[in-house]
Amino acid sequence: VPLSSVHNDDIKNLLDAKKLNHTECVMYRTVSN
């Protein structure tokens, strides 16, 4: 699961709950314009 540097754990927690084999990683950063 590629994510932004700004993210919460909602996806991780949901996939954990469903016992899916997953890894989150940061691939880009989000900064204020």
Full PDB file with SEQRES, HELIX, SHEET, SSBOND, CRYST1, ORIGX, SCALE, CONECT and MASTER records, all heavy atoms in Angstrom:
SEQRES   1 A   33  VAL PRO LEU SER SER VAL HIS ASN ASP ASP ILE LYS ASN          
SEQRES   2 A   33  LEU LEU ASP ALA LYS LYS LEU ASN HIS THR GLU CYS VAL          
SEQRES   3 A   33  MET TYR ARG THR VAL SER ASN                                  
HELIX    1 AA1 ASP A   10  ALA A   17  1                                   8    
SHEET    1 AA1 2 PRO A   2  SER A   4  0                                        
SHEET    2 AA1 2 CYS A  25  TYR A  28  1                                        
CRYST1    1.000    1.000    1.000  90.00  90.00  90.00 P 1           1          
ORIGX1      1.000000  0.000000  0.000000        0.00000                         
ORIGX2      0.000000  1.000000  0.000000        0.00000                         
ORIGX3      0.000000  0.000000  1.000000        0.00000                         
SCALE1      1.000000  0.000000  0.000000        0.00000                         
SCALE2      0.000000  1.000000  0.000000        0.00000                         
SCALE3      0.000000  0.000000  1.000000        0.00000                         
ATOM      1  N   VAL A   1       0.847  -1.198   0.000  1.00  0.00           N  
ATOM      2  CA  VAL A   1       0.000   0.000   0.000  1.00  0.00           C  
ATOM      3  C   VAL A   1       0.883   1.250   0.000  1.00  0.00           C  
ATOM      4  O   VAL A   1       1.380   1.672   1.038  1.00  0.00           O  
ATOM      5  CB  VAL A   1      -0.938   0.028   1.235  1.00  0.00           C  
ATOM      6  CG1 VAL A   1      -1.961   1.153   1.086  1.00  0.00           C  
ATOM      7  CG2 VAL A   1      -1.637  -1.312   1.439  1.00  0.00           C  
ATOM      8  N   PRO A   2       1.120   1.864  -1.178  1.00  0.00           N  
ATOM      9  CA  PRO A   2       1.900   3.109  -1.222  1.00  0.00           C  
ATOM     10  C   PRO A   2       1.080   4.273  -0.660  1.00  0.00           C  
ATOM     11  O   PRO A   2      -0.092   4.441  -1.001  1.00  0.00           O  
ATOM     12  CB  PRO A   2       2.155   3.324  -2.719  1.00  0.00           C  
ATOM     13  CG  PRO A   2       1.731   2.063  -3.407  1.00  0.00           C  
ATOM     14  CD  PRO A   2       0.710   1.434  -2.525  1.00  0.00           C  
ATOM     15  N   LEU A   3       1.707   5.064   0.224  1.00  0.00           N  
ATOM     16  CA  LEU A   3       0.997   6.168   0.874  1.00  0.00           C  
ATOM     17  C   LEU A   3       1.823   7.453   0.842  1.00  0.00           C  
ATOM     18  O   LEU A   3       3.010   7.436   0.537  1.00  0.00           O  
ATOM     19  CB  LEU A   3       0.688   5.799   2.333  1.00  0.00           C  
ATOM     20  CG  LEU A   3      -0.287   4.637   2.571  1.00  0.00           C  
ATOM     21  CD1 LEU A   3      -0.273   4.236   4.033  1.00  0.00           C  
ATOM     22  CD2 LEU A   3      -1.698   5.001   2.130  1.00  0.00           C  
ATOM     23  N   SER A   4       1.153   8.535   1.213  1.00  0.00           N  
ATOM     24  CA  SER A   4       1.832   9.818   1.399  1.00  0.00           C  
ATOM     25  C   SER A   4       2.498   9.835   2.776  1.00  0.00           C  
ATOM     26  O   SER A   4       2.153   9.040   3.655  1.00  0.00           O  
ATOM     27  CB  SER A   4       0.801  10.951   1.319  1.00  0.00           C  
ATOM     28  OG  SER A   4       1.282  12.116   1.947  1.00  0.00           O  
ATOM     29  N   SER A   5       3.431  10.761   2.951  1.00  0.00           N  
ATOM     30  CA  SER A   5       4.053  10.931   4.269  1.00  0.00           C  
ATOM     31  C   SER A   5       3.011  11.355   5.303  1.00  0.00           C  
ATOM     32  O   SER A   5       3.184  11.150   6.502  1.00  0.00           O  
ATOM     33  CB  SER A   5       5.161  11.991   4.184  1.00  0.00           C  
ATOM     34  OG  SER A   5       4.615  13.213   3.676  1.00  0.00           O  
ATOM     35  N   VAL A   6       1.920  11.961   4.821  1.00  0.00           N  
ATOM     36  CA  VAL A   6       0.824  12.373   5.713  1.00  0.00           C  
ATOM     37  C   VAL A   6      -0.309  11.358   5.574  1.00  0.00           C  
ATOM     38  O   VAL A   6      -1.013  11.335   4.569  1.00  0.00           O  
ATOM     39  CB  VAL A   6       0.304  13.790   5.344  1.00  0.00           C  
ATOM     40  CG1 VAL A   6      -0.837  14.194   6.262  1.00  0.00           C  
ATOM     41  CG2 VAL A   6       1.427  14.804   5.385  1.00  0.00           C  
ATOM     42  N   HIS A   7      -0.448  10.492   6.547  1.00  0.00           N  
ATOM     43  CA  HIS A   7      -1.527   9.491   6.504  1.00  0.00           C  
ATOM     44  C   HIS A   7      -1.823   9.004   7.927  1.00  0.00           C  
ATOM     45  O   HIS A   7      -1.029   9.226   8.837  1.00  0.00           O  
ATOM     46  CB  HIS A   7      -1.135   8.297   5.615  1.00  0.00           C  
ATOM     47  CG  HIS A   7       0.014   7.499   6.148  1.00  0.00           C  
ATOM     48  ND1 HIS A   7       1.320   7.780   5.838  1.00  0.00           N  
ATOM     49  CD2 HIS A   7       0.069   6.441   6.996  1.00  0.00           C  
ATOM     50  CE1 HIS A   7       2.122   6.933   6.452  1.00  0.00           C  
ATOM     51  NE2 HIS A   7       1.382   6.102   7.175  1.00  0.00           N  
ATOM     52  N   ASN A   8      -2.979   8.388   8.073  1.00  0.00           N  
ATOM     53  CA  ASN A   8      -3.303   7.797   9.382  1.00  0.00           C  
ATOM     54  C   ASN A   8      -3.227   6.268   9.249  1.00  0.00           C  
ATOM     55  O   ASN A   8      -2.864   5.745   8.201  1.00  0.00           O  
ATOM     56  CB  ASN A   8      -4.686   8.260   9.878  1.00  0.00           C  
ATOM     57  CG  ASN A   8      -5.786   7.945   8.873  1.00  0.00           C  
ATOM     58  OD1 ASN A   8      -5.747   6.928   8.186  1.00  0.00           O  
ATOM     59  ND2 ASN A   8      -6.783   8.819   8.792  1.00  0.00           N  
ATOM     60  N   ASP A   9      -3.587   5.575  10.307  1.00  0.00           N  
ATOM     61  CA  ASP A   9      -3.476   4.102  10.303  1.00  0.00           C  
ATOM     62  C   ASP A   9      -4.786   3.400   9.969  1.00  0.00           C  
ATOM     63  O   ASP A   9      -4.920   2.198  10.186  1.00  0.00           O  
ATOM     64  CB  ASP A   9      -2.980   3.613  11.679  1.00  0.00           C  
ATOM     65  CG  ASP A   9      -1.508   3.936  11.892  1.00  0.00           C  
ATOM     66  OD1 ASP A   9      -0.785   4.044  10.877  1.00  0.00           O  
ATOM     67  OD2 ASP A   9      -1.085   4.073  13.051  1.00  0.00           O  
ATOM     68  N   ASP A  10      -5.761   4.135   9.434  1.00  0.00           N  
ATOM     69  CA  ASP A  10      -7.075   3.536   9.162  1.00  0.00           C  
ATOM     70  C   ASP A  10      -6.979   2.324   8.237  1.00  0.00           C  
ATOM     71  O   ASP A  10      -7.587   1.277   8.487  1.00  0.00           O  
ATOM     72  CB  ASP A  10      -8.023   4.575   8.547  1.00  0.00           C  
ATOM     73  CG  ASP A  10      -8.439   5.638   9.556  1.00  0.00           C  
ATOM     74  OD1 ASP A  10      -8.020   5.526  10.724  1.00  0.00           O  
ATOM     75  OD2 ASP A  10      -9.180   6.569   9.179  1.00  0.00           O  
ATOM     76  N   ILE A  11      -6.228   2.476   7.148  1.00  0.00           N  
ATOM     77  CA  ILE A  11      -6.115   1.367   6.178  1.00  0.00           C  
ATOM     78  C   ILE A  11      -5.391   0.186   6.819  1.00  0.00           C  
ATOM     79  O   ILE A  11      -5.839  -0.957   6.733  1.00  0.00           O  
ATOM     80  CB  ILE A  11      -5.393   1.836   4.896  1.00  0.00           C  
ATOM     81  CG1 ILE A  11      -6.279   2.848   4.140  1.00  0.00           C  
ATOM     82  CG2 ILE A  11      -5.055   0.647   3.993  1.00  0.00           C  
ATOM     83  CD1 ILE A  11      -5.641   3.452   2.915  1.00  0.00           C  
ATOM     84  N   LYS A  12      -4.278   0.472   7.484  1.00  0.00           N  
ATOM     85  CA  LYS A  12      -3.496  -0.588   8.157  1.00  0.00           C  
ATOM     86  C   LYS A  12      -4.370  -1.354   9.143  1.00  0.00           C  
ATOM     87  O   LYS A  12      -4.399  -2.592   9.151  1.00  0.00           O  
ATOM     88  CB  LYS A  12      -2.309   0.028   8.884  1.00  0.00           C  
ATOM     89  CG  LYS A  12      -1.464  -1.000   9.642  1.00  0.00           C  
ATOM     90  CD  LYS A  12      -0.381  -0.306  10.461  1.00  0.00           C  
ATOM     91  CE  LYS A  12       0.491  -1.322  11.184  1.00  0.00           C  
ATOM     92  NZ  LYS A  12      -0.250  -2.208  12.084  1.00  0.00           N  
ATOM     93  N   ASN A  13      -5.109  -0.620   9.970  1.00  0.00           N  
ATOM     94  CA  ASN A  13      -5.945  -1.258  10.994  1.00  0.00           C  
ATOM     95  C   ASN A  13      -7.042  -2.136  10.378  1.00  0.00           C  
ATOM     96  O   ASN A  13      -7.337  -3.223  10.877  1.00  0.00           O  
ATOM     97  CB  ASN A  13      -6.578  -0.199  11.906  1.00  0.00           C  
ATOM     98  CG  ASN A  13      -5.527   0.550  12.721  1.00  0.00           C  
ATOM     99  OD1 ASN A  13      -4.402   0.069  12.878  1.00  0.00           O  
ATOM    100  ND2 ASN A  13      -5.873   1.730  13.215  1.00  0.00           N  
ATOM    101  N   LEU A  14      -7.624  -1.644   9.291  1.00  0.00           N  
ATOM    102  CA  LEU A  14      -8.702  -2.393   8.642  1.00  0.00           C  
ATOM    103  C   LEU A  14      -8.166  -3.677   7.996  1.00  0.00           C  
ATOM    104  O   LEU A  14      -8.757  -4.751   8.132  1.00  0.00           O  
ATOM    105  CB  LEU A  14      -9.381  -1.514   7.579  1.00  0.00           C  
ATOM    106  CG  LEU A  14     -10.694  -2.025   6.981  1.00  0.00           C  
ATOM    107  CD1 LEU A  14     -11.720  -2.350   8.072  1.00  0.00           C  
ATOM    108  CD2 LEU A  14     -11.277  -1.020   6.015  1.00  0.00           C  
ATOM    109  N   LEU A  15      -7.016  -3.576   7.327  1.00  0.00           N  
ATOM    110  CA  LEU A  15      -6.429  -4.766   6.681  1.00  0.00           C  
ATOM    111  C   LEU A  15      -5.934  -5.768   7.733  1.00  0.00           C  
ATOM    112  O   LEU A  15      -6.013  -6.975   7.533  1.00  0.00           O  
ATOM    113  CB  LEU A  15      -5.296  -4.363   5.732  1.00  0.00           C  
ATOM    114  CG  LEU A  15      -5.669  -3.410   4.581  1.00  0.00           C  
ATOM    115  CD1 LEU A  15      -4.515  -3.273   3.596  1.00  0.00           C  
ATOM    116  CD2 LEU A  15      -6.910  -3.870   3.842  1.00  0.00           C  
ATOM    117  N   ASP A  16      -5.435  -5.231   8.850  1.00  0.00           N  
ATOM    118  CA  ASP A  16      -5.048  -6.107   9.965  1.00  0.00           C  
ATOM    119  C   ASP A  16      -6.258  -6.890  10.474  1.00  0.00           C  
ATOM    120  O   ASP A  16      -6.191  -8.102  10.697  1.00  0.00           O  
ATOM    121  CB  ASP A  16      -4.483  -5.275  11.136  1.00  0.00           C  
ATOM    122  CG  ASP A  16      -3.029  -4.874  10.925  1.00  0.00           C  
ATOM    123  OD1 ASP A  16      -2.383  -5.440  10.020  1.00  0.00           O  
ATOM    124  OD2 ASP A  16      -2.546  -3.989  11.661  1.00  0.00           O  
ATOM    125  N   ALA A  17      -7.371  -6.165  10.651  1.00  0.00           N  
ATOM    126  CA  ALA A  17      -8.592  -6.775  11.188  1.00  0.00           C  
ATOM    127  C   ALA A  17      -9.104  -7.894  10.272  1.00  0.00           C  
ATOM    128  O   ALA A  17      -9.676  -8.885  10.744  1.00  0.00           O  
ATOM    129  CB  ALA A  17      -9.673  -5.712  11.378  1.00  0.00           C  
ATOM    130  N   LYS A  18      -8.886  -7.714   8.975  1.00  0.00           N  
ATOM    131  CA  LYS A  18      -9.354  -8.724   8.008  1.00  0.00           C  
ATOM    132  C   LYS A  18      -8.301  -9.809   7.760  1.00  0.00           C  
ATOM    133  O   LYS A  18      -8.481 -10.673   6.903  1.00  0.00           O  
ATOM    134  CB  LYS A  18      -9.722  -8.047   6.676  1.00  0.00           C  
ATOM    135  CG  LYS A  18     -10.846  -7.031   6.795  1.00  0.00           C  
ATOM    136  CD  LYS A  18     -12.142  -7.674   7.253  1.00  0.00           C  
ATOM    137  CE  LYS A  18     -13.262  -6.645   7.384  1.00  0.00           C  
ATOM    138  NZ  LYS A  18     -14.512  -7.240   7.886  1.00  0.00           N  
ATOM    139  N   LYS A  19      -7.176  -9.702   8.493  1.00  0.00           N  
ATOM    140  CA  LYS A  19      -6.085 -10.695   8.395  1.00  0.00           C  
ATOM    141  C   LYS A  19      -5.520 -10.821   6.971  1.00  0.00           C  
ATOM    142  O   LYS A  19      -5.176 -11.915   6.510  1.00  0.00           O  
ATOM    143  CB  LYS A  19      -6.549 -12.062   8.922  1.00  0.00           C  
ATOM    144  CG  LYS A  19      -6.878 -12.034  10.412  1.00  0.00           C  
ATOM    145  CD  LYS A  19      -7.203 -13.405  10.942  1.00  0.00           C  
ATOM    146  CE  LYS A  19      -7.218 -13.450  12.461  1.00  0.00           C  
ATOM    147  NZ  LYS A  19      -8.027 -12.429  13.120  1.00  0.00           N  
ATOM    148  N   LEU A  20      -5.441  -9.690   6.280  1.00  0.00           N  
ATOM    149  CA  LEU A  20      -4.839  -9.674   4.946  1.00  0.00           C  
ATOM    150  C   LEU A  20      -3.338  -9.437   5.093  1.00  0.00           C  
ATOM    151  O   LEU A  20      -2.898  -8.706   5.987  1.00  0.00           O  
ATOM    152  CB  LEU A  20      -5.477  -8.579   4.084  1.00  0.00           C  
ATOM    153  CG  LEU A  20      -6.919  -8.879   3.626  1.00  0.00           C  
ATOM    154  CD1 LEU A  20      -7.629  -7.624   3.160  1.00  0.00           C  
ATOM    155  CD2 LEU A  20      -6.934  -9.932   2.521  1.00  0.00           C  
ATOM    156  N   ASN A  21      -2.558 -10.028   4.236  1.00  0.00           N  
ATOM    157  CA  ASN A  21      -1.097  -9.900   4.273  1.00  0.00           C  
ATOM    158  C   ASN A  21      -0.727  -8.601   3.553  1.00  0.00           C  
ATOM    159  O   ASN A  21      -0.866  -8.498   2.336  1.00  0.00           O  
ATOM    160  CB  ASN A  21      -0.479 -11.118   3.562  1.00  0.00           C  
ATOM    161  CG  ASN A  21       1.027 -11.127   3.660  1.00  0.00           C  
ATOM    162  OD1 ASN A  21       1.652 -10.137   4.013  1.00  0.00           O  
ATOM    163  ND2 ASN A  21       1.627 -12.260   3.336  1.00  0.00           N  
ATOM    164  N   HIS A  22      -0.275  -7.604   4.290  1.00  0.00           N  
ATOM    165  CA  HIS A  22      -0.070  -6.276   3.680  1.00  0.00           C  
ATOM    166  C   HIS A  22       1.095  -5.526   4.327  1.00  0.00           C  
ATOM    167  O   HIS A  22       1.474  -5.790   5.476  1.00  0.00           O  
ATOM    168  CB  HIS A  22      -1.340  -5.440   3.819  1.00  0.00           C  
ATOM    169  CG  HIS A  22      -1.665  -5.119   5.251  1.00  0.00           C  
ATOM    170  ND1 HIS A  22      -1.293  -3.945   5.857  1.00  0.00           N  
ATOM    171  CD2 HIS A  22      -2.294  -5.845   6.211  1.00  0.00           C  
ATOM    172  CE1 HIS A  22      -1.692  -3.968   7.118  1.00  0.00           C  
ATOM    173  NE2 HIS A  22      -2.301  -5.112   7.363  1.00  0.00           N  
ATOM    174  N   THR A  23       1.628  -4.580   3.584  1.00  0.00           N  
ATOM    175  CA  THR A  23       2.672  -3.674   4.081  1.00  0.00           C  
ATOM    176  C   THR A  23       2.392  -2.282   3.537  1.00  0.00           C  
ATOM    177  O   THR A  23       2.112  -2.120   2.347  1.00  0.00           O  
ATOM    178  CB  THR A  23       4.074  -4.127   3.600  1.00  0.00           C  
ATOM    179  OG1 THR A  23       4.326  -5.432   4.103  1.00  0.00           O  
ATOM    180  CG2 THR A  23       5.155  -3.171   4.075  1.00  0.00           C  
ATOM    181  N   GLU A  24       2.443  -1.283   4.425  1.00  0.00           N  
ATOM    182  CA  GLU A  24       2.309   0.111   3.988  1.00  0.00           C  
ATOM    183  C   GLU A  24       3.707   0.696   3.786  1.00  0.00           C  
ATOM    184  O   GLU A  24       4.631   0.331   4.517  1.00  0.00           O  
ATOM    185  CB  GLU A  24       1.561   0.958   5.029  1.00  0.00           C  
ATOM    186  CG  GLU A  24       0.062   0.679   5.102  1.00  0.00           C  
ATOM    187  CD  GLU A  24      -0.232  -0.686   5.718  1.00  0.00           C  
ATOM    188  OE1 GLU A  24       0.457  -1.084   6.675  1.00  0.00           O  
ATOM    189  OE2 GLU A  24      -1.131  -1.365   5.208  1.00  0.00           O  
ATOM    190  N   CYS A  25       3.846   1.583   2.819  1.00  0.00           N  
ATOM    191  CA  CYS A  25       5.125   2.262   2.624  1.00  0.00           C  
ATOM    192  C   CYS A  25       4.861   3.680   2.137  1.00  0.00           C  
ATOM    193  O   CYS A  25       3.838   3.958   1.520  1.00  0.00           O  
ATOM    194  CB  CYS A  25       5.995   1.509   1.620  1.00  0.00           C  
ATOM    195  SG  CYS A  25       5.288   1.451  -0.033  1.00  0.00           S  
ATOM    196  N   VAL A  26       5.781   4.581   2.449  1.00  0.00           N  
ATOM    197  CA  VAL A  26       5.665   5.968   1.991  1.00  0.00           C  
ATOM    198  C   VAL A  26       6.413   6.093   0.666  1.00  0.00           C  
ATOM    199  O   VAL A  26       7.575   5.703   0.557  1.00  0.00           O  
ATOM    200  CB  VAL A  26       6.247   6.943   3.037  1.00  0.00           C  
ATOM    201  CG1 VAL A  26       6.305   8.366   2.485  1.00  0.00           C  
ATOM    202  CG2 VAL A  26       5.417   6.902   4.316  1.00  0.00           C  
ATOM    203  N   MET A  27       5.721   6.618  -0.359  1.00  0.00           N  
ATOM    204  CA  MET A  27       6.355   6.802  -1.671  1.00  0.00           C  
ATOM    205  C   MET A  27       6.408   8.265  -2.098  1.00  0.00           C  
ATOM    206  O   MET A  27       7.065   8.599  -3.074  1.00  0.00           O  
ATOM    207  CB  MET A  27       5.626   5.984  -2.737  1.00  0.00           C  
ATOM    208  CG  MET A  27       5.937   4.503  -2.679  1.00  0.00           C  
ATOM    209  SD  MET A  27       5.434   3.643  -4.169  1.00  0.00           S  
ATOM    210  CE  MET A  27       6.186   2.032  -3.896  1.00  0.00           C  
ATOM    211  N   TYR A  28       5.674   9.132  -1.383  1.00  0.00           N  
ATOM    212  CA  TYR A  28       5.693  10.552  -1.734  1.00  0.00           C  
ATOM    213  C   TYR A  28       5.356  11.369  -0.498  1.00  0.00           C  
ATOM    214  O   TYR A  28       4.778  10.857   0.462  1.00  0.00           O  
ATOM    215  CB  TYR A  28       4.710  10.857  -2.872  1.00  0.00           C  
ATOM    216  CG  TYR A  28       3.291  10.380  -2.638  1.00  0.00           C  
ATOM    217  CD1 TYR A  28       2.275  11.250  -2.250  1.00  0.00           C  
ATOM    218  CD2 TYR A  28       2.951   9.037  -2.829  1.00  0.00           C  
ATOM    219  CE1 TYR A  28       0.985  10.814  -2.066  1.00  0.00           C  
ATOM    220  CE2 TYR A  28       1.646   8.584  -2.636  1.00  0.00           C  
ATOM    221  CZ  TYR A  28       0.671   9.482  -2.256  1.00  0.00           C  
ATOM    222  OH  TYR A  28      -0.625   9.042  -2.060  1.00  0.00           O  
ATOM    223  N   ARG A  29       5.759  12.634  -0.511  1.00  0.00           N  
ATOM    224  CA  ARG A  29       5.470  13.491   0.641  1.00  0.00           C  
ATOM    225  C   ARG A  29       4.535  14.619   0.224  1.00  0.00           C  
ATOM    226  O   ARG A  29       4.581  15.085  -0.920  1.00  0.00           O  
ATOM    227  CB  ARG A  29       6.761  14.037   1.268  1.00  0.00           C  
ATOM    228  CG  ARG A  29       7.596  14.912   0.392  1.00  0.00           C  
ATOM    229  CD  ARG A  29       8.767  15.511   1.163  1.00  0.00           C  
ATOM    230  NE  ARG A  29       9.721  14.496   1.587  1.00  0.00           N  
ATOM    231  CZ  ARG A  29      10.728  14.074   0.828  1.00  0.00           C  
ATOM    232  NH1 ARG A  29      10.903  14.562  -0.386  1.00  0.00           N  
ATOM    233  NH2 ARG A  29      11.559  13.150   1.272  1.00  0.00           N  
ATOM    234  N   THR A  30       3.701  15.014   1.157  1.00  0.00           N  
ATOM    235  CA  THR A  30       2.723  16.067   0.908  1.00  0.00           C  
ATOM    236  C   THR A  30       3.093  17.294   1.726  1.00  0.00           C  
ATOM    237  O   THR A  30       3.218  17.210   2.944  1.00  0.00           O  
ATOM    238  CB  THR A  30       1.307  15.582   1.304  1.00  0.00           C  
ATOM    239  OG1 THR A  30       1.083  14.299   0.703  1.00  0.00           O  
ATOM    240  CG2 THR A  30       0.244  16.526   0.833  1.00  0.00           C  
ATOM    241  N   VAL A  31       3.297  18.415   1.046  1.00  0.00           N  
ATOM    242  CA  VAL A  31       3.685  19.642   1.748  1.00  0.00           C  
ATOM    243  C   VAL A  31       2.738  20.781   1.367  1.00  0.00           C  
ATOM    244  O   VAL A  31       2.188  20.803   0.261  1.00  0.00           O  
ATOM    245  CB  VAL A  31       5.152  20.042   1.430  1.00  0.00           C  
ATOM    246  CG1 VAL A  31       6.122  19.000   1.957  1.00  0.00           C  
ATOM    247  CG2 VAL A  31       5.368  20.254  -0.061  1.00  0.00           C  
ATOM    248  N   SER A  32       2.555  21.713   2.260  1.00  0.00           N  
ATOM    249  CA  SER A  32       1.651  22.841   2.026  1.00  0.00           C  
ATOM    250  C   SER A  32       2.162  23.719   0.888  1.00  0.00           C  
ATOM    251  O   SER A  32       3.353  24.005   0.785  1.00  0.00           O  
ATOM    252  CB  SER A  32       1.532  23.675   3.314  1.00  0.00           C  
ATOM    253  OG  SER A  32       0.671  24.775   3.096  1.00  0.00           O  
ATOM    254  N   ASN A  33       1.254  24.099   0.004  1.00  0.00           N  
ATOM    255  CA  ASN A  33       1.575  24.993  -1.111  1.00  0.00           C  
ATOM    256  C   ASN A  33       1.125  26.396  -0.693  1.00  0.00           C  
ATOM    257  O   ASN A  33       0.008  26.813  -0.970  1.00  0.00           O  
ATOM    258  CB  ASN A  33       0.837  24.516  -2.369  1.00  0.00           C  
ATOM    259  CG  ASN A  33       1.214  25.288  -3.604  1.00  0.00           C  
ATOM    260  OD1 ASN A  33       2.224  25.985  -3.627  1.00  0.00           O  
ATOM    261  ND2 ASN A  33       0.400  25.192  -4.641  1.00  0.00           N  
TER     262      ASN A  33                                                      
MASTER        0    0    0    1    2    0    0    6  261    1    0    3          
END                                                                             
